[in-house]
C-alpha atoms as a PDB file:
ATOM      1  CA  MET A   1      17.358 -45.808  28.476  1.00  0.00           C
ATOM      2  CA  SER A   2      19.154 -49.111  27.983  1.00  0.00           C
ATOM      3  CA  ILE A   3      22.946 -49.364  27.943  1.00  0.00           C
ATOM      4  CA  SER A   4      22.888 -50.467  24.273  1.00  0.00           C
ATOM      5  CA  GLU A   5      20.713 -47.485  23.306  1.00  0.00           C
ATOM      6  CA  ALA A   6      23.020 -45.117  25.193  1.00  0.00           C
ATOM      7  CA  ARG A   7      26.038 -46.522  23.371  1.00  0.00           C
ATOM      8  CA  ARG A   8      24.255 -46.171  20.037  1.00  0.00           C
ATOM      9  CA  ARG A   9      23.439 -42.523  20.744  1.00  0.00           C
ATOM     10  CA  GLU A  10      27.019 -41.897  21.771  1.00  0.00           C
ATOM     11  CA  LYS A  11      28.222 -43.328  18.446  1.00  0.00           C
ATOM     12  CA  THR A  12      25.850 -41.162  16.455  1.00  0.00           C
ATOM     13  CA  ARG A  13      27.424 -38.088  18.066  1.00  0.00           C
ATOM     14  CA  ARG A  14      30.764 -39.133  16.669  1.00  0.00           C
ATOM     15  CA  LYS A  15      31.861 -38.341  13.147  1.00  0.00           C
ATOM     16  CA  VAL A  16      34.156 -40.029  10.655  1.00  0.00           C
ATOM     17  CA  ARG A  17      36.661 -37.657   9.075  1.00  0.00           C
ATOM     18  CA  MET A  18      36.458 -38.416   5.379  1.00  0.00           C
ATOM     19  CA  PRO A  19      39.378 -38.242   2.923  1.00  0.00           C
ATOM     20  CA  SER A  20      39.946 -34.970   1.090  1.00  0.00           C
ATOM     21  CA  LEU A  21      39.338 -34.631  -2.649  1.00  0.00           C
ATOM     22  CA  SER A  22      41.924 -33.179  -5.025  1.00  0.00           C
ATOM     23  CA  PHE A  23      41.930 -32.192  -8.664  1.00  0.00           C
ATOM     24  CA  ILE A  24      44.896 -33.297 -10.740  1.00  0.00           C
ATOM     25  CA  VAL A  25      44.805 -31.801 -14.226  1.00  0.00           C
ATOM     26  CA  ALA A  26      46.948 -30.571 -17.113  1.00  0.00           C
ATOM     27  CA  ARG A  27      45.634 -27.738 -19.294  1.00  0.00           C
ATOM     28  CA  SER A  28      47.011 -25.580 -22.064  1.00  0.00           C
ATOM     29  CA  TYR A  29      47.982 -21.978 -21.502  1.00  0.00           C
ATOM     30  CA  PRO A  30      46.271 -19.634 -22.211  1.00  0.00           C
ATOM     31  CA  ASP A  31      43.182 -21.484 -23.541  1.00  0.00           C
ATOM     32  CA  ASN A  32      42.623 -24.058 -20.741  1.00  0.00           C
ATOM     33  CA  VAL A  33      42.329 -26.969 -23.194  1.00  0.00           C
ATOM     34  CA  ILE A  34      42.508 -30.419 -21.593  1.00  0.00           C
ATOM     35  CA  GLY A  35      41.546 -32.603 -24.553  1.00  0.00           C
ATOM     36  CA  CYS A  36      40.800 -32.876 -28.232  1.00  0.00           C
ATOM     37  CA  GLU A  37      38.687 -35.718 -29.630  1.00  0.00           C
ATOM     38  CA  ASN A  38      39.005 -37.548 -26.323  1.00  0.00           C
ATOM     39  CA  GLN A  39      42.820 -37.498 -26.378  1.00  0.00           C
ATOM     40  CA  LEU A  40      45.538 -35.429 -24.732  1.00  0.00           C
ATOM     41  CA  PRO A  41      46.671 -32.819 -27.280  1.00  0.00           C
ATOM     42  CA  TRP A  42      50.361 -33.082 -26.357  1.00  0.00           C
ATOM     43  CA  ARG A  43      53.115 -35.475 -25.400  1.00  0.00           C
ATOM     44  CA  LEU A  44      54.402 -34.641 -21.931  1.00  0.00           C
ATOM     45  CA  SER A  45      56.199 -37.632 -20.453  1.00  0.00           C
ATOM     46  CA  SER A  46      57.426 -35.833 -17.336  1.00  0.00           C
ATOM     47  CA  ASP A  47      53.857 -34.898 -16.420  1.00  0.00           C
ATOM     48  CA  LEU A  48      52.626 -38.457 -16.920  1.00  0.00           C
ATOM     49  CA  ARG A  49      55.368 -39.689 -14.570  1.00  0.00           C
ATOM     50  CA  ARG A  50      54.404 -37.046 -12.025  1.00  0.00           C
ATOM     51  CA  PHE A  51      50.727 -38.019 -12.324  1.00  0.00           C
ATOM     52  CA  ARG A  52      51.604 -41.637 -11.654  1.00  0.00           C
ATOM     53  CA  ASN A  53      53.819 -40.820  -8.661  1.00  0.00           C
ATOM     54  CA  ILE A  54      51.159 -38.626  -7.062  1.00  0.00           C
ATOM     55  CA  THR A  55      48.195 -40.964  -7.579  1.00  0.00           C
ATOM     56  CA  ILE A  56      49.857 -44.366  -7.131  1.00  0.00           C
ATOM     57  CA  ASN A  57      47.964 -46.665  -4.720  1.00  0.00           C
ATOM     58  CA  HIS A  58      45.187 -44.081  -4.282  1.00  0.00           C
ATOM     59  CA  ALA A  59      41.625 -43.937  -5.565  1.00  0.00           C
ATOM     60  CA  VAL A  60      41.087 -41.993  -8.795  1.00  0.00           C
ATOM     61  CA  VAL A  61      37.666 -40.809  -9.981  1.00  0.00           C
ATOM     62  CA  MET A  62      36.972 -40.259 -13.666  1.00  0.00           C
ATOM     63  CA  GLY A  63      34.188 -40.068 -16.235  1.00  0.00           C
ATOM     64  CA  ARG A  64      33.420 -42.723 -18.825  1.00  0.00           C
ATOM     65  CA  LYS A  65      35.025 -40.769 -21.689  1.00  0.00           C
ATOM     66  CA  THR A  66      38.252 -40.307 -19.729  1.00  0.00           C
ATOM     67  CA  PHE A  67      38.280 -44.026 -18.957  1.00  0.00           C
ATOM     68  CA  GLU A  68      37.772 -44.836 -22.643  1.00  0.00           C
ATOM     69  CA  SER A  69      40.573 -42.451 -23.669  1.00  0.00           C
ATOM     70  CA  ILE A  70      42.949 -44.179 -21.233  1.00  0.00           C
ATOM     71  CA  GLY A  71      41.812 -47.528 -22.626  1.00  0.00           C
ATOM     72  CA  ARG A  72      42.316 -49.571 -19.458  1.00  0.00           C
ATOM     73  CA  MET A  73      42.156 -49.483 -15.696  1.00  0.00           C
ATOM     74  CA  LEU A  74      45.030 -47.472 -14.267  1.00  0.00           C
ATOM     75  CA  PRO A  75      47.240 -50.053 -12.532  1.00  0.00           C
ATOM     76  CA  HIS A  76      48.012 -49.835  -8.806  1.00  0.00           C
ATOM     77  CA  ARG A  77      45.107 -47.450  -8.250  1.00  0.00           C
ATOM     78  CA  TYR A  78      41.451 -47.903  -7.336  1.00  0.00           C
ATOM     79  CA  ASN A  79      39.556 -46.790 -10.435  1.00  0.00           C
ATOM     80  CA  VAL A  80      36.122 -45.232  -9.911  1.00  0.00           C
ATOM     81  CA  ILE A  81      34.295 -44.564 -13.204  1.00  0.00           C
ATOM     82  CA  LEU A  82      31.171 -42.430 -13.398  1.00  0.00           C
ATOM     83  CA  SER A  83      28.899 -43.940 -16.022  1.00  0.00           C
ATOM     84  CA  ARG A  84      25.219 -44.348 -16.768  1.00  0.00           C
ATOM     85  CA  GLY A  85      23.618 -47.476 -15.408  1.00  0.00           C
ATOM     86  CA  GLU A  86      23.421 -49.279 -12.091  1.00  0.00           C
ATOM     87  CA  SER A  87      26.429 -48.975  -9.785  1.00  0.00           C
ATOM     88  CA  GLN A  88      28.744 -52.006  -9.691  1.00  0.00           C
ATOM     89  CA  TYR A  89      31.343 -52.241  -6.949  1.00  0.00           C
ATOM     90  CA  ASN A  90      34.449 -54.406  -7.138  1.00  0.00           C
ATOM     91  CA  GLU A  91      37.576 -54.733  -4.991  1.00  0.00           C
ATOM     92  CA  ASP A  92      39.719 -53.250  -7.793  1.00  0.00           C
ATOM     93  CA  TYR A  93      37.341 -50.799  -9.488  1.00  0.00           C
ATOM     94  CA  ALA A  94      33.798 -49.444  -9.437  1.00  0.00           C
ATOM     95  CA  PHE A  95      31.360 -48.225 -12.076  1.00  0.00           C
ATOM     96  CA  VAL A  96      28.996 -45.756 -10.413  1.00  0.00           C
ATOM     97  CA  GLU A  97      26.002 -43.690 -11.493  1.00  0.00           C
ATOM     98  CA  ASN A  98      26.455 -40.462  -9.487  1.00  0.00           C
ATOM     99  CA  ILE A  99      28.979 -38.496  -7.454  1.00  0.00           C
ATOM    100  CA  GLU A 100      27.557 -39.748  -4.139  1.00  0.00           C
ATOM    101  CA  SER A 101      28.280 -43.346  -5.152  1.00  0.00           C
ATOM    102  CA  ALA A 102      31.712 -42.310  -6.430  1.00  0.00           C
ATOM    103  CA  GLN A 103      32.505 -40.745  -3.071  1.00  0.00           C
ATOM    104  CA  PHE A 104      31.323 -43.864  -1.227  1.00  0.00           C
ATOM    105  CA  ALA A 105      33.597 -46.171  -3.239  1.00  0.00           C
ATOM    106  CA  ALA A 106      36.619 -43.849  -3.070  1.00  0.00           C
ATOM    107  CA  ASP A 107      36.044 -43.057   0.620  1.00  0.00           C
ATOM    108  CA  MET A 108      35.784 -46.729   1.547  1.00  0.00           C
ATOM    109  CA  TYR A 109      38.907 -47.707  -0.391  1.00  0.00           C
ATOM    110  CA  SER A 110      40.869 -44.770   1.034  1.00  0.00           C
ATOM    111  CA  ILE A 111      39.904 -45.394   4.643  1.00  0.00           C
ATOM    112  CA  LEU A 112      40.590 -49.131   4.442  1.00  0.00           C
ATOM    113  CA  ASN A 113      44.040 -48.361   3.042  1.00  0.00           C
ATOM    114  CA  GLY A 114      44.850 -45.496   5.388  1.00  0.00           C
ATOM    115  CA  HIS A 115      44.771 -42.752   2.736  1.00  0.00           C
ATOM    116  CA  THR A 116      43.544 -39.249   3.541  1.00  0.00           C
ATOM    117  CA  GLU A 117      43.273 -38.048  -0.071  1.00  0.00           C
ATOM    118  CA  TYR A 118      41.975 -39.190  -3.441  1.00  0.00           C
ATOM    119  CA  PHE A 119      41.945 -37.673  -6.906  1.00  0.00           C
ATOM    120  CA  ILE A 120      39.494 -36.390  -9.497  1.00  0.00           C
ATOM    121  CA  ILE A 121      41.197 -36.880 -12.879  1.00  0.00           C
ATOM    122  CA  GLY A 122      38.633 -35.747 -15.489  1.00  0.00           C
ATOM    123  CA  GLY A 123      37.057 -35.006 -17.782  1.00  0.00           C
ATOM    124  CA  ALA A 124      35.606 -31.521 -17.912  1.00  0.00           C
ATOM    125  CA  ASN A 125      32.117 -32.448 -16.682  1.00  0.00           C
ATOM    126  CA  ILE A 126      33.503 -34.509 -13.802  1.00  0.00           C
ATOM    127  CA  TYR A 127      35.735 -31.638 -12.660  1.00  0.00           C
ATOM    128  CA  GLU A 128      32.682 -29.376 -12.693  1.00  0.00           C
ATOM    129  CA  GLN A 129      30.570 -31.786 -10.644  1.00  0.00           C
ATOM    130  CA  PHE A 130      33.204 -32.086  -7.917  1.00  0.00           C
ATOM    131  CA  SER A 131      34.331 -28.437  -7.890  1.00  0.00           C
ATOM    132  CA  GLY A 132      32.586 -27.629  -4.601  1.00  0.00           C
ATOM    133  CA  LEU A 133      34.267 -30.506  -2.741  1.00  0.00           C
ATOM    134  CA  ILE A 134      37.946 -30.173  -3.566  1.00  0.00           C
ATOM    135  CA  GLN A 135      40.606 -29.026  -1.123  1.00  0.00           C
ATOM    136  CA  LYS A 136      43.738 -29.257  -3.266  1.00  0.00           C
ATOM    137  CA  ILE A 137      44.647 -28.714  -6.924  1.00  0.00           C
ATOM    138  CA  TYR A 138      47.644 -30.246  -8.705  1.00  0.00           C
ATOM    139  CA  LEU A 139      47.813 -28.148 -11.864  1.00  0.00           C
ATOM    140  CA  THR A 140      50.080 -28.468 -14.903  1.00  0.00           C
ATOM    141  CA  GLU A 141      49.933 -25.547 -17.345  1.00  0.00           C
ATOM    142  CA  VAL A 142      51.303 -26.442 -20.769  1.00  0.00           C
ATOM    143  CA  PHE A 143      52.629 -23.414 -22.681  1.00  0.00           C
ATOM    144  CA  THR A 144      51.273 -24.343 -26.090  1.00  0.00           C
ATOM    145  CA  GLY A 145      49.945 -20.953 -27.107  1.00  0.00           C
ATOM    146  CA  ASN A 146      46.577 -21.123 -28.857  1.00  0.00           C
ATOM    147  CA  LEU A 147      45.592 -24.756 -29.195  1.00  0.00           C
ATOM    148  CA  LYS A 148      42.643 -26.530 -30.795  1.00  0.00           C
ATOM    149  CA  GLY A 149      40.541 -28.516 -28.362  1.00  0.00           C
ATOM    150  CA  ASP A 150      37.024 -29.551 -27.430  1.00  0.00           C
ATOM    151  CA  ALA A 151      37.339 -30.076 -23.658  1.00  0.00           C
ATOM    152  CA  TYR A 152      38.343 -27.400 -21.167  1.00  0.00           C
ATOM    153  CA  PHE A 153      39.255 -26.928 -17.527  1.00  0.00           C
ATOM    154  CA  ASP A 154      38.069 -23.369 -16.953  1.00  0.00           C
ATOM    155  CA  TYR A 155      38.127 -23.509 -13.161  1.00  0.00           C
ATOM    156  CA  LYS A 156      39.383 -20.146 -11.912  1.00  0.00           C
ATOM    157  CA  ILE A 157      41.832 -20.381  -9.037  1.00  0.00           C
ATOM    158  CA  ASP A 158      40.951 -17.313  -6.989  1.00  0.00           C
ATOM    159  CA  LYS A 159      44.035 -16.363  -4.943  1.00  0.00           C
ATOM    160  CA  ARG A 160      41.734 -15.050  -2.202  1.00  0.00           C
ATOM    161  CA  ASN A 161      40.568 -18.630  -1.618  1.00  0.00           C
ATOM    162  CA  TRP A 162      43.617 -20.653  -2.639  1.00  0.00           C
ATOM    163  CA  ARG A 163      47.224 -20.644  -1.437  1.00  0.00           C
ATOM    164  CA  LEU A 164      50.113 -21.651  -3.701  1.00  0.00           C
ATOM    165  CA  ILE A 165      52.405 -24.112  -1.900  1.00  0.00           C
ATOM    166  CA  GLN A 166      54.571 -25.397  -4.759  1.00  0.00           C
ATOM    167  CA  GLU A 167      55.606 -24.221  -8.207  1.00  0.00           C
ATOM    168  CA  ASP A 168      58.082 -25.798 -10.624  1.00  0.00           C
ATOM    169  CA  GLU A 169      59.031 -24.730 -14.156  1.00  0.00           C
ATOM    170  CA  CYS A 170      59.647 -27.553 -16.636  1.00  0.00           C
ATOM    171  CA  ALA A 171      61.496 -27.036 -19.903  1.00  0.00           C
ATOM    172  CA  ALA A 172      60.623 -28.689 -23.202  1.00  0.00           C
ATOM    173  CA  SER A 173      62.720 -31.753 -23.970  1.00  0.00           C
ATOM    174  CA  ASP A 174      62.943 -34.783 -26.226  1.00  0.00           C
ATOM    175  CA  SER A 175      60.066 -36.343 -24.277  1.00  0.00           C
ATOM    176  CA  ASP A 176      58.090 -33.145 -23.577  1.00  0.00           C
ATOM    177  CA  ASP A 177      56.639 -31.293 -26.572  1.00  0.00           C
ATOM    178  CA  TRP A 178      56.159 -28.019 -24.682  1.00  0.00           C
ATOM    179  CA  PRO A 179      57.494 -26.203 -21.630  1.00  0.00           C
ATOM    180  CA  SER A 180      55.140 -26.320 -18.656  1.00  0.00           C
ATOM    181  CA  ARG A 181      54.628 -25.185 -15.095  1.00  0.00           C
ATOM    182  CA  PHE A 182      53.491 -27.453 -12.263  1.00  0.00           C
ATOM    183  CA  SER A 183      51.701 -25.797  -9.344  1.00  0.00           C
ATOM    184  CA  VAL A 184      50.015 -27.065  -6.190  1.00  0.00           C
ATOM    185  CA  TYR A 185      47.268 -25.052  -4.490  1.00  0.00           C
ATOM    186  CA  VAL A 186      45.482 -25.699  -1.194  1.00  0.00           C
ATOM    187  CA  ARG A 187      42.207 -24.181  -0.108  1.00  0.00           C
ATOM    188  CA  LYS A 188      42.671 -21.531   2.578  1.00  0.00           C
ATOM    189  CA  ASP A 189      39.460 -22.483   4.406  1.00  0.00           C
ATOM    190  CA  ASN A 190      40.468 -26.109   4.720  1.00  0.00           C
ATOM    191  CA  PHE A 191      37.042 -27.573   5.505  1.00  0.00           C
ATOM    192  CA  ILE A 192      36.637 -31.126   6.735  1.00  0.00           C
ATOM    193  CA  ARG A 193      34.178 -33.597   5.234  1.00  0.00           C
ATOM    194  CA  THR A 194      32.526 -35.739   7.908  1.00  0.00           C
ATOM    195  CA  ARG A 195      29.811 -38.370   8.178  1.00  0.00           C
ATOM    196  CA  ASP A 196      28.027 -39.843  11.165  1.00  0.00           C
ATOM    197  CA  VAL A 197      29.607 -43.122  12.234  1.00  0.00           C
ATOM    198  CA  ILE A 198      26.300 -45.008  12.196  1.00  0.00           C
ATOM    199  CA  GLU A 199      25.353 -43.561   8.810  1.00  0.00           C
ATOM    200  CA  PHE A 200      28.701 -44.489   7.293  1.00  0.00           C
ATOM    201  CA  MET A 201      28.434 -48.056   8.597  1.00  0.00           C
ATOM    202  CA  THR A 202      24.888 -48.616   7.321  1.00  0.00           C
ATOM    203  CA  TYR A 203      25.123 -50.491   4.022  1.00  0.00           C
ATOM    204  CA  ASP A 204      22.418 -51.534   1.606  1.00  0.00           C
ATOM    205  CA  GLN A 205      22.313 -54.757  -0.397  1.00  0.00           C
ATOM    206  CA  SER A 206      24.248 -53.265  -3.302  1.00  0.00           C
ATOM    207  CA  THR A 207      27.184 -52.180  -1.140  1.00  0.00           C
ATOM    208  CA  ASP A 208      27.267 -54.738   1.686  1.00  0.00           C
ATOM    209  CA  ALA A 209      28.979 -57.398  -0.454  1.00  0.00           C
ATOM    210  CA  PHE A 210      31.488 -54.808  -1.700  1.00  0.00           C
ATOM    211  CA  VAL A 211      32.433 -53.765   1.845  1.00  0.00           C
ATOM    212  CA  SER A 212      32.760 -57.413   2.903  1.00  0.00           C
ATOM    213  CA  ARG A 213      35.078 -58.219  -0.021  1.00  0.00           C
ATOM    214  CA  MET A 214      37.189 -55.119   0.630  1.00  0.00           C
ATOM    215  CA  LEU A 215      37.518 -56.136   4.274  1.00  0.00           C
ATOM    216  CA  GLU A 216      38.482 -59.680   3.322  1.00  0.00           C
ATOM    217  CA  ARG A 217      41.372 -58.272   1.338  1.00  0.00           C
ATOM    218  CA  TYR A 218      42.264 -55.966   4.222  1.00  0.00           C
ATOM    219  CA  ARG A 219      42.163 -58.953   6.632  1.00  0.00           C
ATOM    220  CA  HIS A 220      44.133 -61.142   4.194  1.00  0.00           C
ATOM    221  CA  ASN A 221      41.061 -63.395   3.728  1.00  0.00           C
ATOM    222  CA  LYS A 222      40.705 -64.169   7.432  1.00  0.00           C
ATOM    223  CA  PRO A 223      36.980 -64.438   8.292  1.00  0.00           C
ATOM    224  CA  ARG A 224      35.976 -62.098  11.088  1.00  0.00           C
ATOM    225  CA  ASP A 225      33.134 -59.784  12.064  1.00  0.00           C
ATOM    226  CA  THR A 226      32.642 -57.085   9.411  1.00  0.00           C
ATOM    227  CA  ARG A 227      31.074 -54.456  11.673  1.00  0.00           C
ATOM    228  CA  ALA A 228      33.631 -54.930  14.460  1.00  0.00           C
ATOM    229  CA  ASP A 229      36.449 -54.667  11.924  1.00  0.00           C
ATOM    230  CA  MET A 230      35.018 -51.460  10.469  1.00  0.00           C
ATOM    231  CA  GLU A 231      34.702 -49.893  13.918  1.00  0.00           C
ATOM    232  CA  GLN A 232      38.360 -50.697  14.597  1.00  0.00           C
ATOM    233  CA  ILE A 233      39.485 -49.340  11.214  1.00  0.00           C
ATOM    234  CA  LEU A 234      37.501 -46.120  11.666  1.00  0.00           C
ATOM    235  CA  LEU A 235      39.007 -45.262  15.061  1.00  0.00           C
ATOM    236  CA  PRO A 236      41.890 -43.127  13.665  1.00  0.00           C
ATOM    237  CA  PHE A 237      39.383 -41.232  11.478  1.00  0.00           C
ATOM    238  CA  MET A 238      36.853 -40.471  14.232  1.00  0.00           C
ATOM    239  CA  ILE A 239      36.317 -36.988  15.631  1.00  0.00           C
ATOM    240  CA  ASP A 240      33.819 -35.710  18.185  1.00  0.00           C
ATOM    241  CA  GLU A 241      31.195 -33.157  17.220  1.00  0.00           C
END
């Protein structure tokens, strides 16, 4: 076996620890409504501020309808939008066709920026698609009583599987229509997502240009070797099998 082949095999035995995925969601209590006619059915300024503070500078993953309800890219975040059609990657946002492509874009942005977490922000179908991958839930329950809606977050937080680590009560105010409760849950079996180093660093034509542009920004536009840079960036995220 050649030295280069031995090194390659050694790399394939190493894994990249991928960022964790978190839900961040506000729903009515007791009906679990999260939207009505593609809009939030309440005014809750304190929760919007909290949402911004938690997600700022991170990747956020959303569906097309959620993106349309927001009406713009969320500033100071990497927006990943699940939508029909061919995936299009950009340094500031990505339109993707499936959850695997969404994970690739959000993983790449997070790792290049040293983040260990990114956020799934809706809507209902997107929460459902990612439900088996999440490790943390940032949940706001809005005490509206019975409320009309057409989108729901019915995910049941089973206390046998989830641990409550934070809980804050929030009163109604001039800027908040309803009282609410903010809770943070973490999964008790805190599994780790990993990928083979070689697999993660193997890009196709549709993603190679995206990775190169992201690295140019990371390197402040200094031309260098893309693969060598990625290996250096991945070092803090590598674990042995």
